[in-house]
Amino acid sequence: MTATSLSKGANLAVESPAVRVELVWAAGPGVPAVDASALLLTPAGRVRDDGDFVFYNQPRHTSDAVRHSGKQGGSGAGAGVTTDAVEVDLRSVEPAVDRIVLCASADGGTFGQVPGLSLRLLDAGTRTELARFDMTAGTETALVGGELYRRQGKWKFRAVGQGYATGLAGVATDFGITVDEAPPVAAPAVPSPPEAAPTPPTHLPSPPAPHAAPAPSPVPTDAGPRLTKGEEHLPVDMRKRLSLRKEQVAVSLRKHGAAGVTARVILVLDASGSMSFLYSRGVVADVVERMAAVAAQLDDDGEMQAWTFASNPARLPDLRLGDLPEWLRLHVRVGEISLFRRGRKKGLHPEQVDMRAVGIQNEEQKAIAEVRAFVRDHPAAAPTLVLFFSDGGVYRDADIERELREAVEEPVFWQFVGLGRSQYGVLERFDTLPGRRVDNVGFFAVDDISTVPDPELYDRLLSEFPSWITAAGRAGIL
């Protein structure tokens, strides 16, 4: 069997009944200690209790389905490398467990100091390599490298590569693990009579302060949800969802060292023919509402620019937060197949786009060019975050690469999200493409975005943006 090389967001079916997930890196002087761990999650994206965390201090799950097997030097991954591994017997995973998140932590430094870092998925019995995910990082002290998850009764593996600036404690806390507070420093006390030693806790002790990673600079110190213009005009149920989601966005920003950062947010929606099903099911409308929370937290003017595209791009009216229900009704409508039919234009609101002019093919590069022109013509004090949604079928690789390479010197970060299909072409490879002063592109794909909990979605959307802010600031782009 030939091993599959995965890019961030890619997934593959797992046929082996038991697998071994190895972290691989080149140890040496100045390289931090690296540890593997695993979290067993319910469909809600949380652990049931601290026992669902498998790591060096708790190496075996009570179900015996997941075990931390420890470090080895010079393993089958090659001479001169070190590995740390977690083994998973997929047959023994309890029905309540929907996902197993595979993590890495760096003690005494950051992952930017760890050379040759990769994640290998092997058959636990034969040790045949099934897949490899090569990872790059900067100031992160913890990573979610990949995840094993159930889909329609079968197991799959996804390459994630999400970084945390808050160490293993930050990862654990995010998924519901209890983390001990560091004990306060006190004056010596008079010794007490000896007594039996308490049972050590199974949850994770707090990491020492010197290992904390630096945050992107400069950013404001306010880390909570912002008050947003127009929010008070929303229906009560939508306002409640927005409030909760803004807090979750704020948590994700704090986690990645970007508390209080501001940005202009631009939304780009694929309108190609293959997207019709996602529109008709209401998936795209739900995505827009979830992205409105990102814009509301990052930019308190309550507005977001938006484009749709297929054969041609078309700018949609600005999304003002107070008008969100009406905007969804009028403008998230490209899944209506009748709009693609030839014939006389009728019944359109004056601000609606005639989707016959947009077409049904995939021409991402045209939309990218229009957004770039808008940013050039409308400079802003804050950087721009583009949230670009597509279901794949990317084939204009050379044109897309040229546009995004030229955009490196512009104050824009491009976050692409794949909606369940494949063939994302050059977008999947941008993290590894050389010759750019900064990495201005992020990409990940999900099988069904409607099943991804808000905290996970926002973490993945915002995992690379703070690092880009730091790099772009140092390069003089911001």
Protein backbone atom coordinates (compact mmCIF):
# COMPACT_ATOMS: atom_id res chain seq x y z
CA MET A 1 0.00 0.00 0.00
CA THR A 2 1.33 3.43 -0.99
CA ALA A 3 1.25 6.04 1.75
CA THR A 4 -0.73 9.23 1.08
CA SER A 5 0.91 12.63 1.58
CA LEU A 6 -1.75 14.90 3.06
CA SER A 7 -2.05 18.67 3.00
CA LYS A 8 -3.82 20.67 5.69
CA GLY A 9 -7.55 19.90 5.70
CA ALA A 10 -7.25 16.76 3.56
CA ASN A 11 -8.76 13.48 4.76
CA LEU A 12 -8.79 9.81 3.88
CA ALA A 13 -10.74 6.70 4.85
CA VAL A 14 -9.11 4.43 7.45
CA GLU A 15 -9.59 0.73 6.73
CA SER A 16 -7.16 -0.60 9.35
CA PRO A 17 -8.83 -1.86 12.56
CA ALA A 18 -6.08 -0.33 14.69
CA VAL A 19 -3.71 2.53 13.93
CA ARG A 20 -0.57 4.11 15.33
CA VAL A 21 -0.21 7.88 15.06
CA GLU A 22 3.41 9.02 15.31
CA LEU A 23 4.84 12.48 15.80
CA VAL A 24 8.20 12.58 14.02
CA TRP A 25 10.91 15.24 14.41
CA ALA A 26 14.66 15.72 14.46
CA ALA A 27 15.81 16.10 18.07
CA GLY A 28 19.02 17.97 18.89
CA PRO A 29 20.57 20.84 20.86
CA GLY A 30 18.12 23.69 21.35
CA VAL A 31 15.13 21.65 20.15
CA PRO A 32 12.23 21.62 22.64
CA ALA A 33 10.91 18.37 24.09
CA VAL A 34 7.88 17.22 22.07
CA ASP A 35 5.05 15.09 23.42
CA ALA A 36 2.09 13.38 21.77
CA SER A 37 -1.36 13.15 23.35
CA ALA A 38 -4.96 12.38 22.43
CA LEU A 39 -8.42 13.66 23.43
CA LEU A 40 -11.55 11.51 23.07
CA LEU A 41 -14.50 13.74 22.20
CA THR A 42 -18.26 13.35 22.05
CA PRO A 43 -20.31 14.75 19.12
CA ALA A 44 -20.49 18.00 21.13
CA GLY A 45 -16.72 18.39 20.69
CA ARG A 46 -15.96 17.97 24.41
CA VAL A 47 -14.50 15.29 26.64
CA ARG A 48 -16.82 13.52 29.09
CA ASP A 49 -14.34 13.88 31.94
CA ASP A 50 -10.59 14.14 32.55
CA GLY A 51 -10.22 10.44 31.82
CA ASP A 52 -10.73 11.17 28.11
CA PHE A 53 -7.28 12.79 27.97
CA VAL A 54 -4.47 10.34 27.14
CA PHE A 55 -0.96 11.76 27.62
CA TYR A 56 2.36 11.10 29.35
CA ASN A 57 0.87 11.27 32.88
CA GLN A 58 -2.19 9.18 31.94
CA PRO A 59 -1.00 6.83 29.20
CA ARG A 60 -4.00 4.49 28.87
CA HIS A 61 -7.72 5.19 28.43
CA THR A 62 -10.05 3.14 30.65
CA SER A 63 -11.59 1.55 27.53
CA ASP A 64 -8.08 0.45 26.45
CA ALA A 65 -8.91 1.83 23.00
CA VAL A 66 -6.29 4.60 23.15
CA ARG A 67 -2.75 4.30 24.56
CA HIS A 68 0.22 6.63 24.70
CA SER A 69 3.15 4.40 23.79
CA GLY A 70 6.00 6.83 24.43
CA LYS A 71 9.11 8.10 22.71
CA GLN A 72 11.55 6.18 20.53
CA GLY A 73 14.72 7.23 18.76
CA GLY A 74 15.75 6.10 15.29
CA SER A 75 12.43 4.39 14.51
CA GLY A 76 11.19 3.19 11.17
CA ALA A 77 10.64 6.80 10.19
CA GLY A 78 14.38 7.05 9.54
CA ALA A 79 17.72 7.34 11.30
CA GLY A 80 18.36 10.42 13.42
CA VAL A 81 14.70 11.12 14.19
CA THR A 82 12.64 10.86 17.36
CA THR A 83 9.03 9.74 17.56
CA ASP A 84 6.29 9.86 20.15
CA ALA A 85 3.15 7.87 19.43
CA VAL A 86 -0.47 7.19 20.31
CA GLU A 87 -2.08 3.89 19.35
CA VAL A 88 -5.82 3.57 18.74
CA ASP A 89 -7.83 0.36 18.48
CA LEU A 90 -10.76 1.65 16.45
CA ARG A 91 -12.79 -1.48 17.20
CA SER A 92 -12.75 -0.70 20.92
CA VAL A 93 -13.68 2.98 20.79
CA GLU A 94 -16.88 3.53 22.76
CA PRO A 95 -20.01 4.55 20.78
CA ALA A 96 -20.19 7.83 22.74
CA VAL A 97 -16.81 8.88 21.30
CA ASP A 98 -17.20 10.58 17.93
CA ARG A 99 -13.70 11.97 17.41
CA ILE A 100 -10.15 11.44 18.65
CA VAL A 101 -8.00 14.57 18.43
CA LEU A 102 -4.26 13.94 18.12
CA CYS A 103 -2.15 16.65 19.74
CA ALA A 104 1.47 17.70 20.14
CA SER A 105 3.07 19.98 22.73
CA ALA A 106 6.51 21.59 22.90
CA ASP A 107 8.16 22.06 26.28
CA GLY A 108 11.01 24.56 26.53
CA GLY A 109 10.39 26.36 23.24
CA THR A 110 8.06 26.67 20.26
CA PHE A 111 7.30 24.44 17.30
CA GLY A 112 9.14 26.90 15.09
CA GLN A 113 12.30 25.45 16.72
CA VAL A 114 11.35 21.83 15.91
CA PRO A 115 12.82 20.67 12.57
CA GLY A 116 11.31 17.96 10.40
CA LEU A 117 7.98 17.87 12.21
CA SER A 118 5.42 15.52 10.70
CA LEU A 119 2.54 13.26 11.67
CA ARG A 120 2.50 9.66 10.41
CA LEU A 121 -0.54 7.39 10.36
CA LEU A 122 0.40 3.69 10.39
CA ASP A 123 -1.39 0.37 10.53
CA ALA A 124 -0.75 -0.69 14.14
CA GLY A 125 -0.30 -4.36 13.20
CA THR A 126 1.92 -4.20 10.13
CA ARG A 127 3.46 -0.73 10.80
CA THR A 128 2.71 0.12 7.16
CA GLU A 129 2.60 3.87 6.69
CA LEU A 130 -0.90 4.88 5.51
CA ALA A 131 -0.47 8.67 5.41
CA ARG A 132 1.96 11.45 6.30
CA PHE A 133 1.23 15.08 7.12
CA ASP A 134 4.26 17.41 7.13
CA MET A 135 3.67 20.37 9.44
CA THR A 136 5.14 23.86 9.71
CA ALA A 137 4.75 26.20 12.68
CA GLY A 138 6.06 29.39 14.26
CA THR A 139 5.39 30.61 17.80
CA GLU A 140 2.92 27.83 18.67
CA THR A 141 3.62 25.71 21.74
CA ALA A 142 0.88 23.17 21.02
CA LEU A 143 -0.68 21.75 17.87
CA VAL A 144 -3.70 19.70 16.91
CA GLY A 145 -1.94 17.64 14.26
CA GLY A 146 -4.82 15.49 13.07
CA GLU A 147 -8.00 13.72 14.07
CA LEU A 148 -9.68 10.36 13.67
CA TYR A 149 -13.44 10.75 13.29
CA ARG A 150 -16.52 8.72 12.47
CA ARG A 151 -18.49 9.37 9.31
CA GLN A 152 -21.51 7.17 8.52
CA GLY A 153 -20.21 4.33 10.66
CA LYS A 154 -16.70 4.40 9.15
CA TRP A 155 -13.49 5.93 10.46
CA LYS A 156 -11.60 8.66 8.63
CA PHE A 157 -8.43 10.64 9.33
CA ARG A 158 -8.06 14.38 8.74
CA ALA A 159 -4.85 16.46 8.69
CA VAL A 160 -5.56 19.54 10.83
CA GLY A 161 -2.33 21.43 11.72
CA GLN A 162 -4.01 23.94 14.07
CA GLY A 163 -1.62 25.80 16.36
CA TYR A 164 -2.07 27.12 19.90
CA ALA A 165 0.01 29.79 21.60
CA THR A 166 -1.18 28.63 25.04
CA GLY A 167 0.52 25.23 25.20
CA LEU A 168 -0.95 21.85 26.01
CA ALA A 169 -3.00 23.36 28.83
CA GLY A 170 -4.73 25.62 26.30
CA VAL A 171 -5.61 22.69 24.05
CA ALA A 172 -6.87 20.61 26.96
CA THR A 173 -8.96 23.41 28.43
CA ASP A 174 -10.52 24.13 25.04
CA PHE A 175 -11.93 20.60 24.90
CA GLY A 176 -13.19 20.55 28.49
CA ILE A 177 -10.27 19.21 30.56
CA THR A 178 -9.75 20.52 34.10
CA VAL A 179 -6.37 22.24 34.41
CA ASP A 180 -4.76 22.76 37.83
CA GLU A 181 -3.93 26.33 38.75
CA ALA A 182 -0.28 26.92 39.61
CA PRO A 183 0.06 27.03 43.40
CA PRO A 184 0.87 30.47 44.87
CA VAL A 185 4.31 31.07 46.26
CA ALA A 186 4.09 31.25 50.07
CA ALA A 187 6.43 31.64 52.98
CA PRO A 188 7.66 28.39 54.53
CA ALA A 189 5.25 27.00 57.08
CA VAL A 190 5.90 25.07 60.27
CA PRO A 191 6.05 21.38 59.29
CA SER A 192 2.93 19.38 60.07
CA PRO A 193 2.87 15.81 61.25
CA PRO A 194 3.40 13.41 58.35
CA GLU A 195 0.30 11.99 56.73
CA ALA A 196 -0.50 9.77 53.80
CA ALA A 197 0.41 11.24 50.41
CA PRO A 198 -2.66 12.19 48.35
CA THR A 199 -3.43 10.44 45.08
CA PRO A 200 -1.95 12.51 42.24
CA PRO A 201 -4.56 14.23 40.01
CA THR A 202 -5.05 12.86 36.51
CA HIS A 203 -5.67 16.25 34.97
CA LEU A 204 -3.02 18.39 33.47
CA PRO A 205 -0.82 20.64 35.62
CA SER A 206 -0.32 24.18 34.41
CA PRO A 207 2.80 24.74 32.29
CA PRO A 208 5.55 26.98 33.68
CA ALA A 209 5.23 30.61 32.65
CA PRO A 210 8.61 30.88 30.84
CA HIS A 211 7.34 28.57 28.11
CA ALA A 212 4.49 30.83 27.03
CA ALA A 213 4.75 31.93 23.40
CA PRO A 214 4.89 35.61 22.44
CA ALA A 215 1.68 37.10 21.11
CA PRO A 216 1.38 38.98 17.80
CA SER A 217 2.13 42.65 18.31
CA PRO A 218 0.75 45.21 18.43
CA VAL A 219 -2.80 44.30 19.51
CA PRO A 220 -5.22 45.90 21.97
CA THR A 221 -5.56 44.35 25.40
CA ASP A 222 -9.38 44.06 25.31
CA ALA A 223 -10.15 40.38 24.73
CA GLY A 224 -13.93 40.19 25.18
CA PRO A 225 -16.78 40.38 22.66
CA ARG A 226 -17.33 43.80 21.08
CA LEU A 227 -20.58 45.74 21.00
CA THR A 228 -21.58 45.89 17.35
CA LYS A 229 -23.58 48.51 15.48
CA GLY A 230 -27.03 47.18 14.48
CA GLU A 231 -26.95 44.19 16.81
CA GLU A 232 -29.95 45.49 18.75
CA HIS A 233 -32.19 45.29 15.65
CA LEU A 234 -31.84 41.53 15.21
CA PRO A 235 -34.57 39.05 16.18
CA VAL A 236 -34.10 37.76 19.73
CA ASP A 237 -33.02 34.22 18.73
CA MET A 238 -30.52 35.50 16.17
CA ARG A 239 -29.18 38.06 18.64
CA LYS A 240 -28.60 35.34 21.23
CA ARG A 241 -26.74 33.17 18.70
CA LEU A 242 -24.64 36.14 17.62
CA SER A 243 -23.72 37.02 21.21
CA LEU A 244 -22.57 33.49 21.99
CA ARG A 245 -20.65 33.20 18.73
CA LYS A 246 -18.88 36.53 19.24
CA GLU A 247 -17.66 35.26 22.61
CA GLN A 248 -16.42 32.06 20.94
CA VAL A 249 -14.58 34.12 18.31
CA ALA A 250 -13.01 36.17 21.11
CA VAL A 251 -11.92 32.97 22.88
CA SER A 252 -10.29 31.69 19.67
CA LEU A 253 -8.43 34.97 19.20
CA ARG A 254 -7.18 34.92 22.80
CA LYS A 255 -6.05 31.33 22.37
CA HIS A 256 -3.94 32.26 19.36
CA GLY A 257 -2.40 35.29 21.04
CA ALA A 258 -4.50 37.89 19.19
CA ALA A 259 -6.90 39.18 21.85
CA GLY A 260 -8.61 42.39 20.71
CA VAL A 261 -7.16 42.42 17.19
CA THR A 262 -9.25 44.33 14.62
CA ALA A 263 -9.75 43.60 10.93
CA ARG A 264 -11.99 44.31 7.98
CA VAL A 265 -13.76 41.08 6.96
CA ILE A 266 -14.75 40.22 3.39
CA LEU A 267 -16.92 37.21 2.53
CA VAL A 268 -16.69 35.34 -0.80
CA LEU A 269 -19.25 32.62 -1.65
CA ASP A 270 -18.97 30.00 -4.38
CA ALA A 271 -22.07 30.07 -6.63
CA SER A 272 -21.05 27.33 -9.09
CA GLY A 273 -23.61 24.74 -10.16
CA SER A 274 -22.31 22.07 -7.79
CA MET A 275 -23.12 24.34 -4.81
CA SER A 276 -26.88 24.28 -5.47
CA PHE A 277 -27.55 21.51 -2.95
CA LEU A 278 -25.74 23.39 -0.17
CA TYR A 279 -27.84 26.49 -0.85
CA SER A 280 -31.14 24.64 -1.04
CA ARG A 281 -30.43 22.88 2.28
CA GLY A 282 -29.76 26.20 4.01
CA VAL A 283 -26.10 25.33 4.65
CA VAL A 284 -24.76 28.49 2.99
CA ALA A 285 -27.22 30.75 4.82
CA ASP A 286 -26.04 29.22 8.09
CA VAL A 287 -22.39 29.79 7.07
CA VAL A 288 -23.12 33.47 6.40
CA GLU A 289 -24.75 33.90 9.81
CA ARG A 290 -21.76 32.23 11.50
CA MET A 291 -19.32 34.46 9.56
CA ALA A 292 -21.29 37.56 10.57
CA ALA A 293 -20.14 36.85 14.13
CA VAL A 294 -16.50 36.89 12.98
CA ALA A 295 -17.02 40.26 11.30
CA ALA A 296 -18.91 41.61 14.33
CA GLN A 297 -16.09 40.66 16.69
CA LEU A 298 -13.23 41.85 14.47
CA ASP A 299 -14.86 45.06 13.18
CA ASP A 300 -17.44 46.86 15.30
CA ASP A 301 -18.90 48.93 12.43
CA GLY A 302 -21.40 46.10 11.83
CA GLU A 303 -20.68 45.79 8.10
CA MET A 304 -19.07 43.17 5.88
CA GLN A 305 -18.35 43.33 2.15
CA ALA A 306 -19.40 40.27 0.16
CA TRP A 307 -18.91 38.70 -3.26
CA THR A 308 -20.36 35.70 -5.06
CA PHE A 309 -18.72 34.00 -8.02
CA ALA A 310 -18.89 31.19 -10.55
CA SER A 311 -17.96 31.87 -14.18
CA ASN A 312 -17.87 35.55 -13.21
CA PRO A 313 -17.70 37.39 -9.88
CA ALA A 314 -20.40 39.75 -8.67
CA ARG A 315 -20.29 42.05 -5.68
CA LEU A 316 -23.24 41.67 -3.33
CA PRO A 317 -24.61 44.56 -1.26
CA ASP A 318 -22.71 45.15 1.96
CA LEU A 319 -23.99 42.98 4.79
CA ARG A 320 -25.03 45.30 7.64
CA LEU A 321 -25.51 43.33 10.82
CA GLY A 322 -28.90 44.84 11.64
CA ASP A 323 -30.19 43.76 8.21
CA LEU A 324 -28.91 40.17 8.44
CA PRO A 325 -32.29 38.35 8.16
CA GLU A 326 -33.32 40.35 5.08
CA TRP A 327 -29.84 40.04 3.55
CA LEU A 328 -29.99 36.27 3.88
CA ARG A 329 -33.42 36.23 2.23
CA LEU A 330 -32.46 38.43 -0.70
CA HIS A 331 -28.84 37.51 -1.43
CA VAL A 332 -28.14 33.93 -0.34
CA ARG A 333 -30.16 32.61 -3.20
CA VAL A 334 -27.83 31.26 -5.85
CA GLY A 335 -28.92 27.67 -5.18
CA GLU A 336 -32.21 28.34 -6.93
CA ILE A 337 -31.70 26.36 -10.13
CA SER A 338 -34.31 28.45 -11.95
CA LEU A 339 -31.96 31.42 -11.76
CA PHE A 340 -29.51 29.61 -14.06
CA ARG A 341 -32.10 29.11 -16.81
CA ARG A 342 -32.16 31.32 -19.87
CA GLY A 343 -35.08 33.66 -20.25
CA ARG A 344 -36.42 37.03 -19.30
CA LYS A 345 -35.22 38.55 -16.06
CA LYS A 346 -38.19 39.06 -13.76
CA GLY A 347 -39.04 39.49 -10.13
CA LEU A 348 -35.58 40.63 -8.95
CA HIS A 349 -35.17 43.11 -6.14
CA PRO A 350 -33.23 46.20 -7.37
CA GLU A 351 -30.17 45.18 -5.29
CA GLN A 352 -30.23 41.49 -6.22
CA VAL A 353 -27.67 39.98 -8.57
CA ASP A 354 -29.01 38.29 -11.72
CA MET A 355 -27.32 34.91 -11.30
CA ARG A 356 -27.53 34.16 -15.01
CA ALA A 357 -24.68 36.64 -15.46
CA VAL A 358 -22.64 34.86 -12.80
CA GLY A 359 -22.89 31.46 -14.53
CA ILE A 360 -22.06 28.03 -13.14
CA GLN A 361 -18.32 27.36 -13.70
CA ASN A 362 -15.37 27.78 -11.29
CA GLU A 363 -13.26 30.90 -11.88
CA GLU A 364 -11.86 31.68 -8.43
CA GLN A 365 -9.07 33.85 -9.82
CA LYS A 366 -11.57 36.41 -11.11
CA ALA A 367 -13.12 36.83 -7.67
CA ILE A 368 -9.68 37.08 -6.06
CA ALA A 369 -8.71 39.81 -8.54
CA GLU A 370 -11.88 41.81 -7.82
CA VAL A 371 -11.38 41.64 -4.06
CA ARG A 372 -7.74 42.70 -4.45
CA ALA A 373 -8.84 45.70 -6.53
CA PHE A 374 -11.43 46.65 -3.90
CA VAL A 375 -8.83 46.56 -1.11
CA ARG A 376 -6.43 48.70 -3.17
CA ASP A 377 -9.17 51.23 -3.96
CA HIS A 378 -10.54 51.30 -0.39
CA PRO A 379 -7.56 51.25 2.01
CA ALA A 380 -8.35 50.61 5.66
CA ALA A 381 -6.45 51.23 8.88
CA ALA A 382 -6.86 47.58 9.88
CA PRO A 383 -5.76 44.51 7.91
CA THR A 384 -8.30 42.60 5.80
CA LEU A 385 -9.38 39.01 6.40
CA VAL A 386 -11.02 37.33 3.39
CA LEU A 387 -13.22 34.32 4.19
CA PHE A 388 -13.50 32.43 0.89
CA PHE A 389 -15.89 29.43 0.68
CA SER A 390 -15.83 26.88 -2.16
CA ASP A 391 -16.85 23.27 -2.71
CA GLY A 392 -13.86 22.47 -4.92
CA GLY A 393 -13.49 21.83 -8.61
CA VAL A 394 -10.52 24.24 -8.69
CA TYR A 395 -8.71 24.01 -12.03
CA ARG A 396 -7.26 27.48 -12.74
CA ASP A 397 -4.21 26.68 -10.61
CA ALA A 398 -1.69 28.87 -12.43
CA ASP A 399 -3.99 31.92 -12.47
CA ILE A 400 -4.95 31.50 -8.81
CA GLU A 401 -1.32 31.08 -7.77
CA ARG A 402 -0.30 34.20 -9.68
CA GLU A 403 -3.03 36.31 -8.04
CA LEU A 404 -2.21 35.11 -4.52
CA ARG A 405 1.55 35.44 -4.99
CA GLU A 406 1.08 39.02 -6.18
CA ALA A 407 -1.15 39.64 -3.16
CA VAL A 408 1.64 38.78 -0.70
CA GLU A 409 2.64 42.46 -0.40
CA GLU A 410 -0.96 43.54 0.30
CA PRO A 411 -2.51 43.84 3.80
CA VAL A 412 -4.83 40.89 3.20
CA PHE A 413 -4.96 37.34 4.61
CA TRP A 414 -6.88 34.84 2.48
CA GLN A 415 -8.60 32.06 4.44
CA PHE A 416 -10.08 29.44 2.11
CA VAL A 417 -12.61 26.90 3.40
CA GLY A 418 -13.49 23.77 1.43
CA LEU A 419 -17.10 22.65 1.73
CA GLY A 420 -16.92 18.89 1.47
CA ARG A 421 -15.82 18.27 -2.10
CA SER A 422 -12.33 17.64 -3.41
CA GLN A 423 -10.01 18.97 -6.12
CA TYR A 424 -8.94 22.15 -4.39
CA GLY A 425 -5.81 22.26 -6.51
CA VAL A 426 -3.21 24.87 -5.62
CA LEU A 427 -5.16 26.03 -2.55
CA GLU A 428 -4.17 22.84 -0.73
CA ARG A 429 -0.50 23.38 -1.53
CA PHE A 430 -0.07 27.06 -0.68
CA ASP A 431 1.31 26.42 2.80
CA THR A 432 4.31 24.70 1.22
CA LEU A 433 4.83 26.93 -1.81
CA PRO A 434 8.22 28.71 -1.55
CA GLY A 435 9.20 32.18 -2.68
CA ARG A 436 6.82 34.32 -0.57
CA ARG A 437 7.96 36.77 2.10
CA VAL A 438 5.00 35.82 4.28
CA ASP A 439 2.40 33.04 4.16
CA ASN A 440 -0.74 34.98 3.20
CA VAL A 441 -3.02 31.98 2.55
CA GLY A 442 -4.77 29.48 4.82
CA PHE A 443 -6.83 26.47 3.75
CA PHE A 444 -8.83 23.69 5.35
CA ALA A 445 -11.73 21.50 4.21
CA VAL A 446 -14.58 19.87 6.10
CA ASP A 447 -16.91 17.06 5.08
CA ASP A 448 -20.05 18.78 6.33
CA ILE A 449 -19.64 22.26 7.78
CA SER A 450 -23.10 22.16 9.36
CA THR A 451 -21.86 19.44 11.76
CA VAL A 452 -18.72 21.36 12.85
CA PRO A 453 -19.30 23.03 16.26
CA ASP A 454 -18.83 26.81 16.36
CA PRO A 455 -15.74 26.71 18.65
CA GLU A 456 -13.95 24.29 16.30
CA LEU A 457 -14.92 26.24 13.19
CA TYR A 458 -13.71 29.55 14.60
CA ASP A 459 -10.48 27.97 15.84
CA ARG A 460 -9.73 26.66 12.37
CA LEU A 461 -10.73 29.91 10.66
CA LEU A 462 -8.51 32.01 12.91
CA SER A 463 -5.55 29.68 13.54
CA GLU A 464 -3.23 31.24 10.92
CA PHE A 465 -4.49 34.84 10.77
CA PRO A 466 -2.68 35.99 13.98
CA SER A 467 0.63 34.51 12.80
CA TRP A 468 0.25 36.34 9.49
CA ILE A 469 -0.37 39.62 11.35
CA THR A 470 2.93 39.17 13.19
CA ALA A 471 4.87 38.20 10.05
CA ALA A 472 3.30 40.94 7.90
CA GLY A 473 4.10 43.53 10.58
CA ARG A 474 7.73 42.47 10.70
CA ALA A 475 7.93 42.55 6.89
CA GLY A 476 6.52 46.09 6.76
CA ILE A 477 3.36 45.00 4.93
CA LEU A 478 1.14 46.26 7.78
